[in-house]
Amino acid sequence: MPPPAQDLPSGHSTRAETPVRSSVELGAVIREQRKRLALKQLDLAGLGNTGNRFIVDLENGKPTVQLQKVLDLMDLLGLEVVVRTKASRSASAP
């Protein structure tokens, strides 16, 4: 049985940041967090008021999933998106 929605994390995490550069990488991060919270895909779909197919597509990296639904599910899982300028790839770059 999944934990009640109010028992899920609320967006702040003590984990290190994970750079995400593709829909496949984002799906993997979301899958890991779902499993860490001991939720099944159907549990997350129910808690997020979405279909199981959406969860499967998201975790598999489908690039055309609806952004707001993704952000809502991430919030539900205690994850957030932080946009920042990329760090320089080389200290000697001009």
N, C-alpha and C. Protein backbone atom coordinates (compact mmCIF):
# COMPACT_ATOMS: atom_id res chain seq x y z
N MET A 1 0.84 -1.18 0.00
CA MET A 1 0.00 0.00 0.00
C MET A 1 0.88 1.24 0.00
N PRO A 2 0.63 2.22 -0.89
CA PRO A 2 1.48 3.40 -0.96
C PRO A 2 1.28 4.31 0.24
N PRO A 3 2.30 5.11 0.57
CA PRO A 3 2.12 6.05 1.66
C PRO A 3 1.13 7.12 1.26
N PRO A 4 0.40 7.69 2.23
CA PRO A 4 -0.52 8.77 1.89
C PRO A 4 0.25 9.93 1.26
N ALA A 5 -0.42 10.67 0.38
CA ALA A 5 0.24 11.77 -0.33
C ALA A 5 0.89 12.75 0.62
N GLN A 6 0.27 13.01 1.78
CA GLN A 6 0.85 13.98 2.70
C GLN A 6 2.14 13.47 3.34
N ASP A 7 2.42 12.17 3.26
CA ASP A 7 3.65 11.60 3.81
C ASP A 7 4.81 11.62 2.84
N LEU A 8 4.56 12.00 1.59
CA LEU A 8 5.63 12.06 0.60
C LEU A 8 6.46 13.31 0.81
N PRO A 9 7.72 13.30 0.37
CA PRO A 9 8.57 14.48 0.53
C PRO A 9 7.97 15.68 -0.19
N SER A 10 8.30 16.87 0.27
CA SER A 10 7.66 18.05 -0.29
C SER A 10 8.59 18.93 -1.11
N GLY A 11 9.61 18.39 -1.73
CA GLY A 11 10.38 19.18 -2.66
C GLY A 11 11.82 19.44 -2.28
N HIS A 12 12.18 19.30 -1.03
CA HIS A 12 13.56 19.57 -0.65
C HIS A 12 14.26 18.25 -0.36
N SER A 13 15.46 18.11 -0.87
CA SER A 13 16.18 16.86 -0.74
C SER A 13 17.59 17.14 -0.25
N THR A 14 18.17 16.19 0.45
CA THR A 14 19.54 16.34 0.90
C THR A 14 20.50 15.65 -0.07
N ARG A 15 19.97 15.04 -1.13
CA ARG A 15 20.81 14.36 -2.11
C ARG A 15 21.59 15.36 -2.92
N ALA A 16 22.68 14.89 -3.49
CA ALA A 16 23.47 15.72 -4.38
C ALA A 16 22.68 16.02 -5.65
N GLU A 17 23.04 17.09 -6.30
CA GLU A 17 22.40 17.45 -7.57
C GLU A 17 22.74 16.42 -8.63
N THR A 18 21.81 16.20 -9.54
CA THR A 18 22.00 15.28 -10.65
C THR A 18 21.78 16.03 -11.95
N PRO A 19 22.84 16.31 -12.71
CA PRO A 19 22.63 16.96 -14.00
C PRO A 19 21.82 16.05 -14.93
N VAL A 20 20.84 16.63 -15.60
CA VAL A 20 19.98 15.90 -16.51
C VAL A 20 20.06 16.58 -17.86
N ARG A 21 20.43 15.82 -18.89
CA ARG A 21 20.59 16.40 -20.22
C ARG A 21 19.72 15.71 -21.27
N SER A 22 18.88 14.79 -20.83
CA SER A 22 18.00 14.12 -21.79
C SER A 22 16.76 13.62 -21.07
N SER A 23 15.74 13.34 -21.85
CA SER A 23 14.50 12.80 -21.28
C SER A 23 14.74 11.42 -20.67
N VAL A 24 15.67 10.68 -21.22
CA VAL A 24 16.00 9.35 -20.68
C VAL A 24 16.63 9.48 -19.29
N GLU A 25 17.54 10.45 -19.14
CA GLU A 25 18.17 10.68 -17.83
C GLU A 25 17.15 11.15 -16.80
N LEU A 26 16.23 12.04 -17.21
CA LEU A 26 15.20 12.51 -16.29
C LEU A 26 14.30 11.35 -15.86
N GLY A 27 13.92 10.52 -16.80
CA GLY A 27 13.10 9.36 -16.48
C GLY A 27 13.77 8.44 -15.47
N ALA A 28 15.08 8.27 -15.63
CA ALA A 28 15.82 7.40 -14.70
C ALA A 28 15.84 7.99 -13.29
N VAL A 29 16.02 9.30 -13.18
CA VAL A 29 16.02 9.96 -11.87
C VAL A 29 14.66 9.80 -11.21
N ILE A 30 13.61 10.00 -11.97
CA ILE A 30 12.26 9.87 -11.43
C ILE A 30 11.99 8.43 -11.01
N ARG A 31 12.41 7.46 -11.82
CA ARG A 31 12.23 6.04 -11.47
C ARG A 31 12.96 5.71 -10.16
N GLU A 32 14.20 6.17 -10.04
CA GLU A 32 14.98 5.90 -8.82
C GLU A 32 14.29 6.46 -7.59
N GLN A 33 13.78 7.68 -7.69
CA GLN A 33 13.10 8.30 -6.54
C GLN A 33 11.81 7.56 -6.21
N ARG A 34 11.06 7.16 -7.23
CA ARG A 34 9.83 6.40 -6.99
C ARG A 34 10.14 5.12 -6.24
N LYS A 35 11.17 4.42 -6.68
CA LYS A 35 11.55 3.16 -6.02
C LYS A 35 12.06 3.42 -4.61
N ARG A 36 12.81 4.50 -4.43
CA ARG A 36 13.33 4.85 -3.11
C ARG A 36 12.17 5.06 -2.13
N LEU A 37 11.05 5.58 -2.65
CA LEU A 37 9.88 5.81 -1.82
C LEU A 37 8.96 4.59 -1.74
N ALA A 38 9.41 3.48 -2.31
CA ALA A 38 8.67 2.21 -2.30
C ALA A 38 7.28 2.34 -2.93
N LEU A 39 7.23 3.09 -4.04
CA LEU A 39 5.99 3.24 -4.79
C LEU A 39 6.06 2.44 -6.08
N LYS A 40 4.94 1.85 -6.45
CA LYS A 40 4.84 1.21 -7.75
C LYS A 40 4.39 2.27 -8.75
N GLN A 41 4.56 1.97 -10.03
CA GLN A 41 4.12 2.91 -11.06
C GLN A 41 2.63 3.22 -10.91
N LEU A 42 1.83 2.21 -10.64
CA LEU A 42 0.39 2.43 -10.45
C LEU A 42 0.10 3.32 -9.25
N ASP A 43 0.89 3.16 -8.18
CA ASP A 43 0.73 4.01 -7.00
C ASP A 43 0.97 5.47 -7.37
N LEU A 44 2.07 5.72 -8.07
CA LEU A 44 2.41 7.09 -8.45
C LEU A 44 1.36 7.67 -9.39
N ALA A 45 0.88 6.86 -10.32
CA ALA A 45 -0.16 7.32 -11.23
C ALA A 45 -1.40 7.74 -10.46
N GLY A 46 -1.79 6.96 -9.49
CA GLY A 46 -2.96 7.29 -8.68
C GLY A 46 -2.75 8.55 -7.85
N LEU A 47 -1.60 8.63 -7.19
CA LEU A 47 -1.30 9.81 -6.38
C LEU A 47 -1.19 11.07 -7.22
N GLY A 48 -0.68 10.92 -8.45
CA GLY A 48 -0.49 12.05 -9.34
C GLY A 48 -1.69 12.34 -10.22
N ASN A 49 -2.75 11.57 -10.04
CA ASN A 49 -3.97 11.75 -10.83
C ASN A 49 -3.68 11.71 -12.33
N THR A 50 -2.91 10.71 -12.72
CA THR A 50 -2.59 10.52 -14.13
C THR A 50 -2.68 9.03 -14.45
N GLY A 51 -2.50 8.68 -15.69
CA GLY A 51 -2.57 7.28 -16.07
C GLY A 51 -1.24 6.57 -15.90
N ASN A 52 -1.31 5.26 -15.75
CA ASN A 52 -0.08 4.47 -15.63
C ASN A 52 0.77 4.58 -16.88
N ARG A 53 0.14 4.68 -18.05
CA ARG A 53 0.88 4.81 -19.31
C ARG A 53 1.78 6.04 -19.28
N PHE A 54 1.31 7.14 -18.70
CA PHE A 54 2.12 8.35 -18.60
C PHE A 54 3.37 8.08 -17.77
N ILE A 55 3.23 7.39 -16.65
CA ILE A 55 4.37 7.07 -15.78
C ILE A 55 5.37 6.19 -16.54
N VAL A 56 4.88 5.19 -17.24
CA VAL A 56 5.75 4.31 -18.02
C VAL A 56 6.50 5.11 -19.08
N ASP A 57 5.78 5.95 -19.81
CA ASP A 57 6.43 6.76 -20.85
C ASP A 57 7.47 7.70 -20.25
N LEU A 58 7.13 8.36 -19.17
CA LEU A 58 8.05 9.28 -18.51
C LEU A 58 9.33 8.56 -18.06
N GLU A 59 9.18 7.45 -17.39
CA GLU A 59 10.35 6.72 -16.89
C GLU A 59 11.18 6.12 -18.02
N ASN A 60 10.57 5.89 -19.17
CA ASN A 60 11.31 5.37 -20.32
C ASN A 60 11.91 6.48 -21.18
N GLY A 61 11.72 7.73 -20.77
CA GLY A 61 12.37 8.83 -21.47
C GLY A 61 11.65 9.33 -22.70
N LYS A 62 10.35 9.10 -22.81
CA LYS A 62 9.61 9.61 -23.97
C LYS A 62 9.75 11.13 -24.00
N PRO A 63 10.25 11.69 -25.09
CA PRO A 63 10.55 13.13 -25.11
C PRO A 63 9.33 14.04 -25.27
N THR A 64 8.15 13.48 -25.51
CA THR A 64 6.98 14.32 -25.77
C THR A 64 5.96 14.31 -24.63
N VAL A 65 6.36 13.90 -23.44
CA VAL A 65 5.42 13.93 -22.32
C VAL A 65 5.11 15.38 -21.95
N GLN A 66 3.98 15.59 -21.31
CA GLN A 66 3.55 16.94 -20.94
C GLN A 66 4.38 17.48 -19.79
N LEU A 67 5.01 18.62 -20.02
CA LEU A 67 5.94 19.19 -19.05
C LEU A 67 5.27 19.47 -17.70
N GLN A 68 4.10 20.06 -17.68
CA GLN A 68 3.47 20.39 -16.40
C GLN A 68 3.17 19.13 -15.59
N LYS A 69 2.76 18.06 -16.26
CA LYS A 69 2.52 16.80 -15.55
C LYS A 69 3.82 16.27 -14.95
N VAL A 70 4.91 16.39 -15.70
CA VAL A 70 6.22 15.95 -15.20
C VAL A 70 6.60 16.76 -13.96
N LEU A 71 6.45 18.07 -14.04
CA LEU A 71 6.79 18.93 -12.90
C LEU A 71 5.91 18.62 -11.69
N ASP A 72 4.64 18.36 -11.92
CA ASP A 72 3.74 18.01 -10.82
C ASP A 72 4.15 16.70 -10.16
N LEU A 73 4.51 15.70 -10.97
CA LEU A 73 4.94 14.42 -10.41
C LEU A 73 6.28 14.55 -9.69
N MET A 74 7.17 15.35 -10.23
CA MET A 74 8.45 15.57 -9.56
C MET A 74 8.22 16.20 -8.19
N ASP A 75 7.35 17.18 -8.12
CA ASP A 75 7.03 17.82 -6.86
C ASP A 75 6.46 16.80 -5.87
N LEU A 76 5.57 15.97 -6.35
CA LEU A 76 4.98 14.92 -5.53
C LEU A 76 6.04 13.98 -4.96
N LEU A 77 7.07 13.71 -5.76
CA LEU A 77 8.16 12.81 -5.35
C LEU A 77 9.25 13.52 -4.54
N GLY A 78 9.11 14.83 -4.35
CA GLY A 78 10.12 15.56 -3.59
C GLY A 78 11.30 15.97 -4.43
N LEU A 79 11.11 16.08 -5.74
CA LEU A 79 12.17 16.50 -6.65
C LEU A 79 11.83 17.87 -7.21
N GLU A 80 12.84 18.60 -7.64
CA GLU A 80 12.61 19.90 -8.26
C GLU A 80 13.59 20.14 -9.38
N VAL A 81 13.21 21.01 -10.27
CA VAL A 81 14.07 21.40 -11.39
C VAL A 81 14.77 22.69 -10.99
N VAL A 82 16.08 22.74 -11.18
CA VAL A 82 16.86 23.96 -10.95
C VAL A 82 17.60 24.25 -12.24
N VAL A 83 17.38 25.43 -12.81
CA VAL A 83 18.05 25.80 -14.05
C VAL A 83 19.21 26.72 -13.70
N ARG A 84 20.38 26.38 -14.20
CA ARG A 84 21.57 27.21 -13.96
C ARG A 84 22.46 27.16 -15.18
N THR A 85 23.35 28.10 -15.27
CA THR A 85 24.30 28.13 -16.36
C THR A 85 25.27 26.98 -16.20
N LYS A 86 25.59 26.31 -17.32
CA LYS A 86 26.53 25.20 -17.28
C LYS A 86 27.89 25.67 -16.80
N ALA A 87 28.54 24.80 -16.04
CA ALA A 87 29.91 25.07 -15.62
C ALA A 87 30.81 24.94 -16.84
N SER A 88 31.90 25.69 -16.83
CA SER A 88 32.84 25.62 -17.94
C SER A 88 33.40 24.21 -18.05
N ARG A 89 33.49 23.71 -19.27
CA ARG A 89 34.02 22.35 -19.47
C ARG A 89 35.53 22.29 -19.35
N SER A 90 36.17 23.42 -19.52
CA SER A 90 37.62 23.45 -19.42
C SER A 90 38.06 24.76 -18.80
N ALA A 91 38.93 24.67 -17.82
CA ALA A 91 39.42 25.89 -17.15
C ALA A 91 40.23 26.75 -18.11
N SER A 92 40.77 26.17 -19.17
CA SER A 92 41.61 26.93 -20.09
C SER A 92 40.81 27.46 -21.28
N ALA A 93 39.51 27.22 -21.30
CA ALA A 93 38.70 27.70 -22.42
C ALA A 93 38.62 29.23 -22.39
N PRO A 94 38.66 29.88 -23.57
CA PRO A 94 38.63 31.35 -23.59
C PRO A 94 37.33 31.92 -23.12
